[in-house]
Amino acid sequence: MVGYSNLYKKRTGFKNDGVMIAWKTDKVSLVEFKEVEFKSRQETGCLNRDNIGLIGVFEIKGKRVLVATTHIYYNYKRSDI
């Protein structure tokens, strides 16, 4: 969209979804960002999915704000997740 910018991280693996942070460029400035991939723990099988995240530091009216979003597997039947 006009007047907006965004960060996007596609989920690892074969899925086509992911996470995004969007902001209005005349109000907010991106200072820095980090893409995150949560690796599985083979010995426990915990987090054995394609888990990702985005972390962005933004400047808004002279103040810095950290914004984060994740795509993490959840299953209420598994107590280890």
C-alpha atoms as a PDB file:
ATOM      1  CA  MET A   1       0.000   0.000   0.000  1.00  0.00           C
ATOM      2  CA  VAL A   2       1.107   3.533  -0.663  1.00  0.00           C
ATOM      3  CA  GLY A   3       2.605   5.196   2.397  1.00  0.00           C
ATOM      4  CA  TYR A   4       3.371   1.959   4.187  1.00  0.00           C
ATOM      5  CA  SER A   5       6.403  -0.266   4.454  1.00  0.00           C
ATOM      6  CA  ASN A   6       6.786  -3.742   5.905  1.00  0.00           C
ATOM      7  CA  LEU A   7       9.050  -6.556   7.025  1.00  0.00           C
ATOM      8  CA  TYR A   8       8.062 -10.079   6.043  1.00  0.00           C
ATOM      9  CA  LYS A   9       9.534 -13.464   6.976  1.00  0.00           C
ATOM     10  CA  LYS A  10       8.248 -16.556   5.171  1.00  0.00           C
ATOM     11  CA  ARG A  11       7.929 -19.612   7.339  1.00  0.00           C
ATOM     12  CA  THR A  12      10.701 -22.128   6.731  1.00  0.00           C
ATOM     13  CA  GLY A  13       9.797 -25.412   5.088  1.00  0.00           C
ATOM     14  CA  PHE A  14       7.132 -25.861   2.448  1.00  0.00           C
ATOM     15  CA  LYS A  15       4.323 -23.674   3.796  1.00  0.00           C
ATOM     16  CA  ASN A  16       3.485 -20.360   2.113  1.00  0.00           C
ATOM     17  CA  ASP A  17       2.572 -18.367   5.206  1.00  0.00           C
ATOM     18  CA  GLY A  18       4.738 -16.249   7.476  1.00  0.00           C
ATOM     19  CA  VAL A  19       4.771 -13.158   9.674  1.00  0.00           C
ATOM     20  CA  MET A  20       4.749  -9.466   8.849  1.00  0.00           C
ATOM     21  CA  ILE A  21       5.167  -6.135  10.613  1.00  0.00           C
ATOM     22  CA  ALA A  22       3.808  -3.110   8.699  1.00  0.00           C
ATOM     23  CA  TRP A  23       4.036   0.586   9.522  1.00  0.00           C
ATOM     24  CA  LYS A  24       3.106   3.984   8.123  1.00  0.00           C
ATOM     25  CA  THR A  25       6.330   5.532   6.837  1.00  0.00           C
ATOM     26  CA  ASP A  26       5.421   9.160   7.566  1.00  0.00           C
ATOM     27  CA  LYS A  27       4.856   8.329  11.264  1.00  0.00           C
ATOM     28  CA  VAL A  28       7.354   5.572  12.067  1.00  0.00           C
ATOM     29  CA  SER A  29      10.978   4.854  11.099  1.00  0.00           C
ATOM     30  CA  LEU A  30      12.623   1.443  11.149  1.00  0.00           C
ATOM     31  CA  VAL A  31      15.919   1.529  13.095  1.00  0.00           C
ATOM     32  CA  GLU A  32      16.913  -2.147  12.876  1.00  0.00           C
ATOM     33  CA  PHE A  33      15.402  -5.612  12.591  1.00  0.00           C
ATOM     34  CA  LYS A  34      16.222  -9.274  13.088  1.00  0.00           C
ATOM     35  CA  GLU A  35      14.703 -12.372  11.510  1.00  0.00           C
ATOM     36  CA  VAL A  36      14.467 -15.370  13.849  1.00  0.00           C
ATOM     37  CA  GLU A  37      14.251 -19.111  13.123  1.00  0.00           C
ATOM     38  CA  PHE A  38      13.496 -21.346  16.096  1.00  0.00           C
ATOM     39  CA  LYS A  39      15.349 -24.619  15.578  1.00  0.00           C
ATOM     40  CA  SER A  40      13.882 -27.899  16.717  1.00  0.00           C
ATOM     41  CA  ARG A  41      15.382 -29.926  19.511  1.00  0.00           C
ATOM     42  CA  GLN A  42      15.900 -33.354  17.995  1.00  0.00           C
ATOM     43  CA  GLU A  43      16.419 -35.134  21.322  1.00  0.00           C
ATOM     44  CA  THR A  44      12.957 -34.150  22.577  1.00  0.00           C
ATOM     45  CA  GLY A  45      11.008 -33.518  19.383  1.00  0.00           C
ATOM     46  CA  CYS A  46      10.003 -30.174  20.881  1.00  0.00           C
ATOM     47  CA  LEU A  47       9.433 -27.345  18.397  1.00  0.00           C
ATOM     48  CA  ASN A  48       9.649 -29.826  15.555  1.00  0.00           C
ATOM     49  CA  ARG A  49       7.858 -27.441  13.194  1.00  0.00           C
ATOM     50  CA  ASP A  50       8.872 -24.411  11.141  1.00  0.00           C
ATOM     51  CA  ASN A  51       8.833 -21.700  13.815  1.00  0.00           C
ATOM     52  CA  ILE A  52       9.881 -18.156  12.896  1.00  0.00           C
ATOM     53  CA  GLY A  53       9.750 -14.591  14.137  1.00  0.00           C
ATOM     54  CA  LEU A  54      10.521 -10.967  13.375  1.00  0.00           C
ATOM     55  CA  ILE A  55      11.837  -8.329  15.760  1.00  0.00           C
ATOM     56  CA  GLY A  56      11.891  -4.666  14.765  1.00  0.00           C
ATOM     57  CA  VAL A  57      13.091  -1.552  16.548  1.00  0.00           C
ATOM     58  CA  PHE A  58      11.181   1.537  15.445  1.00  0.00           C
ATOM     59  CA  GLU A  59      11.435   5.236  16.201  1.00  0.00           C
ATOM     60  CA  ILE A  60       8.160   7.013  16.894  1.00  0.00           C
ATOM     61  CA  LYS A  61       8.141  10.689  17.911  1.00  0.00           C
ATOM     62  CA  GLY A  62      11.749  10.468  19.148  1.00  0.00           C
ATOM     63  CA  LYS A  63      11.221   7.300  21.194  1.00  0.00           C
ATOM     64  CA  ARG A  64      12.285   3.775  20.336  1.00  0.00           C
ATOM     65  CA  VAL A  65       9.807   0.917  20.447  1.00  0.00           C
ATOM     66  CA  LEU A  66      10.485  -2.798  20.016  1.00  0.00           C
ATOM     67  CA  VAL A  67       7.858  -4.814  18.127  1.00  0.00           C
ATOM     68  CA  ALA A  68       7.989  -8.599  17.773  1.00  0.00           C
ATOM     69  CA  THR A  69       5.803 -11.224  16.153  1.00  0.00           C
ATOM     70  CA  THR A  70       6.111 -15.006  15.947  1.00  0.00           C
ATOM     71  CA  HIS A  71       4.665 -18.014  14.190  1.00  0.00           C
ATOM     72  CA  ILE A  72       5.080 -20.821  16.716  1.00  0.00           C
ATOM     73  CA  TYR A  73       3.534 -24.277  16.572  1.00  0.00           C
ATOM     74  CA  TYR A  74       0.936 -24.985  19.265  1.00  0.00           C
ATOM     75  CA  ASN A  75      -0.943 -28.161  20.084  1.00  0.00           C
ATOM     76  CA  TYR A  76      -3.071 -28.320  23.228  1.00  0.00           C
ATOM     77  CA  LYS A  77      -2.731 -32.120  23.250  1.00  0.00           C
ATOM     78  CA  ARG A  78       1.055 -31.936  23.659  1.00  0.00           C
ATOM     79  CA  SER A  79       2.239 -30.771  27.064  1.00  0.00           C
ATOM     80  CA  ASP A  80       5.828 -30.291  25.824  1.00  0.00           C
ATOM     81  CA  ILE A  81       4.880 -27.369  23.560  1.00  0.00           C
END
